[in-house]
Amino acid sequence: MRPISLLAAVFVGAGLAFPAAAAAQTIGSVDKVQATVTAKRDNGSARLRTRSPVKFQDKLVSGEKARLEATLKDGTKLTLGENASLSIDEFVYKPGEEGNKLALNVNGAFLFVGGKIEGPTGGNVDINTPVGTLGVRGTTVWGGPVDTGYGIIVLDGLVTVTTKGGKTVTLEKGQGTMIHDEDGKPSDPVAWQPARLARAVDTITFRK
């Protein structure tokens, strides 16, 4: 059973290429939403609901007690916790071709489950966070504030974390790290204790 399946009990084709200056195009849709989540765009903002479109360069912003789950055209799944934001800064998806690319900017708790853009060798996805950049390969990864720091745990695949101070750590499946300031050294990769994992899980769990 894949790690994401294990977490499910507790965490709960056309070619597309959009350079930075492209007009807003639909690149995914909302699977489910809890409380208030809005998409901020050049022409204003829209409250998101189930099946709402996700557009290129949207800034998704969640409110108090909010959650969002969305799927992009390549199958990438994104989950956002409360009082958080996520923008899609780059999205290039051409099935069967090289050069696919996804770049996200996230502030707050999130879960990322990689789709086809990662490809067989990965390396096509960058996730920018308040403490640095995550380079992911075949990955399911959680990141966000936890236990007075910023935590990252890999549930599947491989993640290289590079802080704004240039310090790097590589996490394999089941390993996590903690960073306590933007330029700080990531802690050594370790398996998190169940209590910390539970606190991370809670940040993106949908309430009934």
Protein backbone atom coordinates (compact mmCIF):
# COMPACT_ATOMS: atom_id res chain seq x y z
CA MET A 1 0.00 0.00 0.00
CA ARG A 2 1.36 3.43 -0.95
CA PRO A 3 2.10 5.89 1.90
CA ILE A 4 -0.61 8.24 0.74
CA SER A 5 -3.10 5.39 1.06
CA LEU A 6 -1.95 4.80 4.61
CA LEU A 7 -2.43 8.47 5.36
CA ALA A 8 -5.84 8.63 3.79
CA ALA A 9 -7.39 7.36 6.99
CA VAL A 10 -5.93 10.29 8.88
CA PHE A 11 -5.27 12.97 6.18
CA VAL A 12 -8.03 12.52 5.10
CA GLY A 13 -5.00 15.72 -22.05
CA ALA A 14 -4.26 18.27 -23.92
CA GLY A 15 -0.74 19.76 -23.95
CA LEU A 16 -0.53 22.89 -21.80
CA ALA A 17 2.31 25.38 -21.67
CA PHE A 18 1.97 28.69 -19.86
CA PRO A 19 4.97 31.02 -19.59
CA ALA A 20 4.99 33.66 -16.89
CA ALA A 21 3.30 36.29 -19.03
CA ALA A 22 0.50 34.09 -20.35
CA ALA A 23 -3.12 35.01 -19.84
CA ALA A 24 -4.88 33.11 -17.08
CA GLN A 25 -5.80 29.66 -18.29
CA THR A 26 -7.55 26.83 -16.45
CA ILE A 27 -4.96 24.29 -15.32
CA GLY A 28 -6.97 22.32 -12.76
CA SER A 29 -10.05 22.23 -10.57
CA VAL A 30 -11.10 22.13 -6.94
CA ASP A 31 -11.93 18.67 -5.55
CA LYS A 32 -13.27 19.89 -2.23
CA VAL A 33 -13.17 22.92 0.01
CA GLN A 34 -13.90 23.68 3.65
CA ALA A 35 -14.79 27.13 4.99
CA THR A 36 -13.51 30.09 2.94
CA VAL A 37 -10.82 29.82 0.26
CA THR A 38 -10.43 32.47 -2.44
CA ALA A 39 -8.48 32.74 -5.67
CA LYS A 40 -6.87 36.16 -6.11
CA ARG A 41 -6.44 37.19 -9.75
CA ASP A 42 -5.55 40.31 -11.72
CA ASN A 43 -9.22 41.05 -12.25
CA GLY A 44 -10.22 40.54 -8.61
CA SER A 45 -10.92 37.47 -6.52
CA ALA A 46 -13.32 34.54 -6.52
CA ARG A 47 -14.49 32.31 -3.71
CA LEU A 48 -13.67 28.70 -4.54
CA ARG A 49 -16.14 25.86 -4.34
CA THR A 50 -16.14 22.22 -5.42
CA ARG A 51 -15.41 22.01 -9.17
CA SER A 52 -14.27 25.65 -9.34
CA PRO A 53 -11.48 26.14 -11.91
CA VAL A 54 -7.89 26.68 -10.82
CA LYS A 55 -6.15 29.12 -13.15
CA PHE A 56 -2.52 29.73 -14.00
CA GLN A 57 -0.95 32.24 -11.58
CA ASP A 58 -3.89 32.06 -9.18
CA LYS A 59 -3.00 32.90 -5.61
CA LEU A 60 -5.12 30.57 -3.49
CA VAL A 61 -5.75 31.98 -0.02
CA SER A 62 -7.40 30.05 2.83
CA GLY A 63 -9.11 31.54 5.85
CA GLU A 64 -9.66 30.40 9.42
CA LYS A 65 -10.36 26.64 9.71
CA ALA A 66 -10.26 26.36 5.91
CA ARG A 67 -8.98 23.51 3.75
CA LEU A 68 -8.61 23.12 -0.01
CA GLU A 69 -7.89 20.11 -2.21
CA ALA A 70 -7.31 20.62 -5.93
CA THR A 71 -6.06 18.55 -8.87
CA LEU A 72 -4.03 20.00 -11.74
CA LYS A 73 -4.29 18.84 -15.36
CA ASP A 74 -1.30 16.50 -15.02
CA GLY A 75 -2.76 14.78 -11.95
CA THR A 76 -0.77 16.71 -9.32
CA LYS A 77 -2.83 16.97 -6.12
CA LEU A 78 -2.50 19.96 -3.80
CA THR A 79 -3.97 20.28 -0.33
CA LEU A 80 -3.81 23.55 1.62
CA GLY A 81 -4.39 24.14 5.32
CA GLU A 82 -5.90 27.15 7.09
CA ASN A 83 -4.52 30.70 6.95
CA ALA A 84 -2.25 29.72 4.10
CA SER A 85 -1.56 30.70 0.51
CA LEU A 86 -0.38 28.96 -2.63
CA SER A 87 0.44 30.40 -6.04
CA ILE A 88 1.14 28.52 -9.27
CA ASP A 89 4.04 30.46 -10.77
CA GLU A 90 4.94 28.09 -13.61
CA PHE A 91 2.98 25.29 -15.31
CA VAL A 92 4.22 23.59 -18.47
CA TYR A 93 2.56 20.29 -19.35
CA LYS A 94 3.01 18.64 -22.75
CA PRO A 95 2.20 14.92 -22.45
CA GLY A 96 4.93 12.73 -23.89
CA GLU A 97 7.39 15.60 -24.31
CA GLU A 98 10.36 16.84 -22.31
CA GLY A 99 10.52 20.23 -20.64
CA ASN A 100 7.46 19.93 -18.40
CA LYS A 101 7.70 22.17 -15.35
CA LEU A 102 5.76 23.12 -12.22
CA ALA A 103 6.73 25.85 -9.75
CA LEU A 104 4.69 26.59 -6.63
CA ASN A 105 5.01 29.21 -3.92
CA VAL A 106 3.47 28.11 -0.63
CA ASN A 107 3.05 29.82 2.73
CA GLY A 108 1.42 27.65 5.38
CA ALA A 109 0.65 23.95 5.68
CA PHE A 110 0.33 21.91 2.48
CA LEU A 111 0.39 18.41 1.06
CA PHE A 112 1.83 17.81 -2.42
CA VAL A 113 1.23 14.59 -4.38
CA GLY A 114 3.17 14.61 -7.64
CA GLY A 115 1.57 14.05 -11.03
CA LYS A 116 2.84 13.45 -14.56
CA ILE A 117 4.90 16.64 -14.74
CA GLU A 118 7.48 14.94 -12.53
CA GLY A 119 8.01 12.34 -15.25
CA PRO A 120 9.99 9.11 -14.82
CA THR A 121 13.14 10.86 -13.56
CA GLY A 122 11.56 13.72 -11.61
CA GLY A 123 13.34 17.01 -11.11
CA ASN A 124 10.67 19.08 -12.84
CA VAL A 125 8.97 20.51 -9.74
CA ASP A 126 10.09 23.25 -7.36
CA ILE A 127 8.12 24.20 -4.25
CA ASN A 128 9.14 27.53 -2.72
CA THR A 129 8.39 27.91 1.00
CA PRO A 130 9.14 30.57 3.63
CA VAL A 131 12.35 28.71 4.62
CA GLY A 132 13.65 27.66 1.20
CA THR A 133 13.02 25.55 -1.88
CA LEU A 134 11.98 21.91 -2.17
CA GLY A 135 13.11 19.94 -5.22
CA VAL A 136 10.94 16.83 -5.49
CA ARG A 137 11.13 13.46 -7.25
CA GLY A 138 8.21 11.02 -7.41
CA THR A 139 6.94 12.62 -4.32
CA THR A 140 4.28 12.90 -1.68
CA VAL A 141 5.45 15.56 0.79
CA TRP A 142 3.96 17.60 3.63
CA GLY A 143 5.34 20.96 4.73
CA GLY A 144 4.28 23.66 7.14
CA PRO A 145 4.57 25.20 10.60
CA VAL A 146 4.75 22.64 13.38
CA ASP A 147 6.31 22.52 16.86
CA THR A 148 7.68 26.11 16.82
CA GLY A 149 9.47 25.58 13.50
CA TYR A 150 8.88 24.72 9.87
CA GLY A 151 8.68 21.00 9.19
CA ILE A 152 8.95 18.89 6.05
CA ILE A 153 8.25 15.16 5.87
CA VAL A 154 8.46 12.89 2.82
CA LEU A 155 5.79 10.22 2.56
CA ASP A 156 6.97 8.89 -0.80
CA GLY A 157 9.84 9.70 -3.15
CA LEU A 158 12.81 12.01 -2.55
CA VAL A 159 13.02 15.70 -1.59
CA THR A 160 16.03 18.01 -1.50
CA VAL A 161 15.52 21.00 0.80
CA THR A 162 17.69 24.07 0.20
CA THR A 163 17.25 26.89 2.71
CA LYS A 164 17.57 30.57 1.84
CA GLY A 165 20.98 30.46 3.55
CA GLY A 166 22.17 27.82 1.08
CA LYS A 167 22.10 24.87 3.47
CA THR A 168 20.82 21.58 2.04
CA VAL A 169 19.40 18.29 3.27
CA THR A 170 18.01 15.36 1.29
CA LEU A 171 15.01 13.46 2.64
CA GLU A 172 14.00 9.96 1.64
CA LYS A 173 10.67 8.22 2.16
CA GLY A 174 9.63 8.36 5.83
CA GLN A 175 12.16 11.05 6.79
CA GLY A 176 11.48 14.55 8.06
CA THR A 177 13.43 17.67 8.97
CA MET A 178 12.83 20.82 11.04
CA ILE A 179 14.03 24.34 10.28
CA HIS A 180 13.76 27.02 12.94
CA ASP A 181 14.62 30.16 10.94
CA GLU A 182 14.92 31.12 7.28
CA ASP A 183 18.70 30.75 7.10
CA GLY A 184 18.97 27.96 9.66
CA LYS A 185 20.46 24.55 9.01
CA PRO A 186 17.83 21.84 8.49
CA SER A 187 17.92 19.15 11.15
CA ASP A 188 19.27 15.73 10.18
CA PRO A 189 16.77 13.47 8.40
CA VAL A 190 14.85 11.33 10.90
CA ALA A 191 11.56 9.48 11.19
CA TRP A 192 9.15 11.72 13.08
CA GLN A 193 7.56 10.61 16.30
CA PRO A 194 3.85 9.74 15.95
CA ALA A 195 2.79 12.81 17.97
CA ARG A 196 4.55 15.23 15.63
CA LEU A 197 3.22 13.43 12.57
CA ALA A 198 -0.29 13.64 14.02
CA ARG A 199 0.07 17.40 14.51
CA ALA A 200 1.20 17.75 10.90
CA VAL A 201 -1.68 15.60 9.66
CA ASP A 202 -4.17 17.72 11.57
CA THR A 203 -3.20 20.87 9.65
CA ILE A 204 -4.65 19.54 6.38
CA THR A 205 -7.39 17.24 7.64
CA PHE A 206 -10.90 18.07 6.45
CA ARG A 207 -13.52 18.21 9.23
CA LYS A 208 -16.85 16.43 8.91
